[in-house]
Amino acid sequence: MNDLWPYIAALLPTLGLLYLFYLVMKHIMEGDRRERIAHAQWEAQQDSLRKAHPDRTSE
């Protein structure tokens, strides 16, 4: 078992960075998903406003 600890100690920083990378990517993807939902809702709202007031032109 004493021979195994140096290998574990060598892999821990890599595993830690892998975990941090996973967390960052997870939050990026979640933020992107939320942004796409918000943008779709905004576009739907703008379309409904255009349909309600067709005489107004958006600039």
C-alpha atoms as a PDB file:
ATOM      1  CA  MET A   1       0.000   0.000   0.000  1.00  0.00           C
ATOM      2  CA  ASN A   2       2.930   2.351   0.637  1.00  0.00           C
ATOM      3  CA  ASP A   3       3.918   2.030  -3.006  1.00  0.00           C
ATOM      4  CA  LEU A   4       0.481   3.222  -4.126  1.00  0.00           C
ATOM      5  CA  TRP A   5       0.407   6.617  -2.350  1.00  0.00           C
ATOM      6  CA  PRO A   6       2.850   8.427  -4.679  1.00  0.00           C
ATOM      7  CA  TYR A   7       0.691   7.496  -7.648  1.00  0.00           C
ATOM      8  CA  ILE A   8      -2.460   8.651  -5.897  1.00  0.00           C
ATOM      9  CA  ALA A   9      -0.748  11.908  -4.899  1.00  0.00           C
ATOM     10  CA  ALA A  10       0.342  12.423  -8.509  1.00  0.00           C
ATOM     11  CA  LEU A  11      -3.201  11.890  -9.834  1.00  0.00           C
ATOM     12  CA  LEU A  12      -5.069  14.016  -7.292  1.00  0.00           C
ATOM     13  CA  PRO A  13      -4.263  17.422  -8.878  1.00  0.00           C
ATOM     14  CA  THR A  14      -5.351  16.132 -12.271  1.00  0.00           C
ATOM     15  CA  LEU A  15      -8.579  14.740 -10.852  1.00  0.00           C
ATOM     16  CA  GLY A  16      -9.193  18.017  -9.024  1.00  0.00           C
ATOM     17  CA  LEU A  17      -8.748  20.004 -12.222  1.00  0.00           C
ATOM     18  CA  LEU A  18     -10.994  17.581 -14.075  1.00  0.00           C
ATOM     19  CA  TYR A  19     -13.695  18.108 -11.452  1.00  0.00           C
ATOM     20  CA  LEU A  20     -13.339  21.914 -11.687  1.00  0.00           C
ATOM     21  CA  PHE A  21     -13.520  21.717 -15.481  1.00  0.00           C
ATOM     22  CA  TYR A  22     -16.688  19.627 -15.186  1.00  0.00           C
ATOM     23  CA  LEU A  23     -18.285  22.181 -12.849  1.00  0.00           C
ATOM     24  CA  VAL A  24     -17.372  25.122 -15.071  1.00  0.00           C
ATOM     25  CA  MET A  25     -18.671  23.423 -18.218  1.00  0.00           C
ATOM     26  CA  LYS A  26     -21.848  22.373 -16.436  1.00  0.00           C
ATOM     27  CA  HIS A  27     -22.541  25.961 -15.390  1.00  0.00           C
ATOM     28  CA  ILE A  28     -21.708  27.294 -18.849  1.00  0.00           C
ATOM     29  CA  MET A  29     -24.111  24.840 -20.484  1.00  0.00           C
ATOM     30  CA  GLU A  30     -26.822  25.591 -17.934  1.00  0.00           C
ATOM     31  CA  GLY A  31     -26.370  29.332 -18.442  1.00  0.00           C
ATOM     32  CA  ASP A  32     -26.541  28.893 -22.205  1.00  0.00           C
ATOM     33  CA  ARG A  33     -29.741  26.852 -21.868  1.00  0.00           C
ATOM     34  CA  ARG A  34     -31.332  29.529 -19.682  1.00  0.00           C
ATOM     35  CA  GLU A  35     -30.235  32.269 -22.085  1.00  0.00           C
ATOM     36  CA  ARG A  36     -31.775  30.432 -25.045  1.00  0.00           C
ATOM     37  CA  ILE A  37     -35.051  30.002 -23.136  1.00  0.00           C
ATOM     38  CA  ALA A  38     -35.096  33.692 -22.181  1.00  0.00           C
ATOM     39  CA  HIS A  39     -34.328  34.732 -25.746  1.00  0.00           C
ATOM     40  CA  ALA A  40     -37.104  32.513 -27.127  1.00  0.00           C
ATOM     41  CA  GLN A  41     -39.556  34.008 -24.626  1.00  0.00           C
ATOM     42  CA  TRP A  42     -38.477  37.525 -25.599  1.00  0.00           C
ATOM     43  CA  GLU A  43     -38.893  36.724 -29.298  1.00  0.00           C
ATOM     44  CA  ALA A  44     -42.353  35.282 -28.657  1.00  0.00           C
ATOM     45  CA  GLN A  45     -43.293  38.411 -26.740  1.00  0.00           C
ATOM     46  CA  GLN A  46     -42.024  40.621 -29.558  1.00  0.00           C
ATOM     47  CA  ASP A  47     -43.957  38.576 -32.133  1.00  0.00           C
ATOM     48  CA  SER A  48     -47.154  38.878 -30.129  1.00  0.00           C
ATOM     49  CA  LEU A  49     -46.637  42.643 -29.840  1.00  0.00           C
ATOM     50  CA  ARG A  50     -46.124  42.912 -33.596  1.00  0.00           C
ATOM     51  CA  LYS A  51     -49.279  40.916 -34.229  1.00  0.00           C
ATOM     52  CA  ALA A  52     -51.258  43.066 -31.766  1.00  0.00           C
ATOM     53  CA  HIS A  53     -50.026  46.329 -33.359  1.00  0.00           C
ATOM     54  CA  PRO A  54     -49.241  45.645 -37.020  1.00  0.00           C
ATOM     55  CA  ASP A  55     -49.260  49.354 -37.925  1.00  0.00           C
ATOM     56  CA  ARG A  56     -46.182  50.029 -35.755  1.00  0.00           C
ATOM     57  CA  THR A  57     -42.818  49.256 -37.286  1.00  0.00           C
ATOM     58  CA  SER A  58     -39.899  48.281 -35.132  1.00  0.00           C
ATOM     59  CA  GLU A  59     -36.615  50.011 -35.795  1.00  0.00           C
END
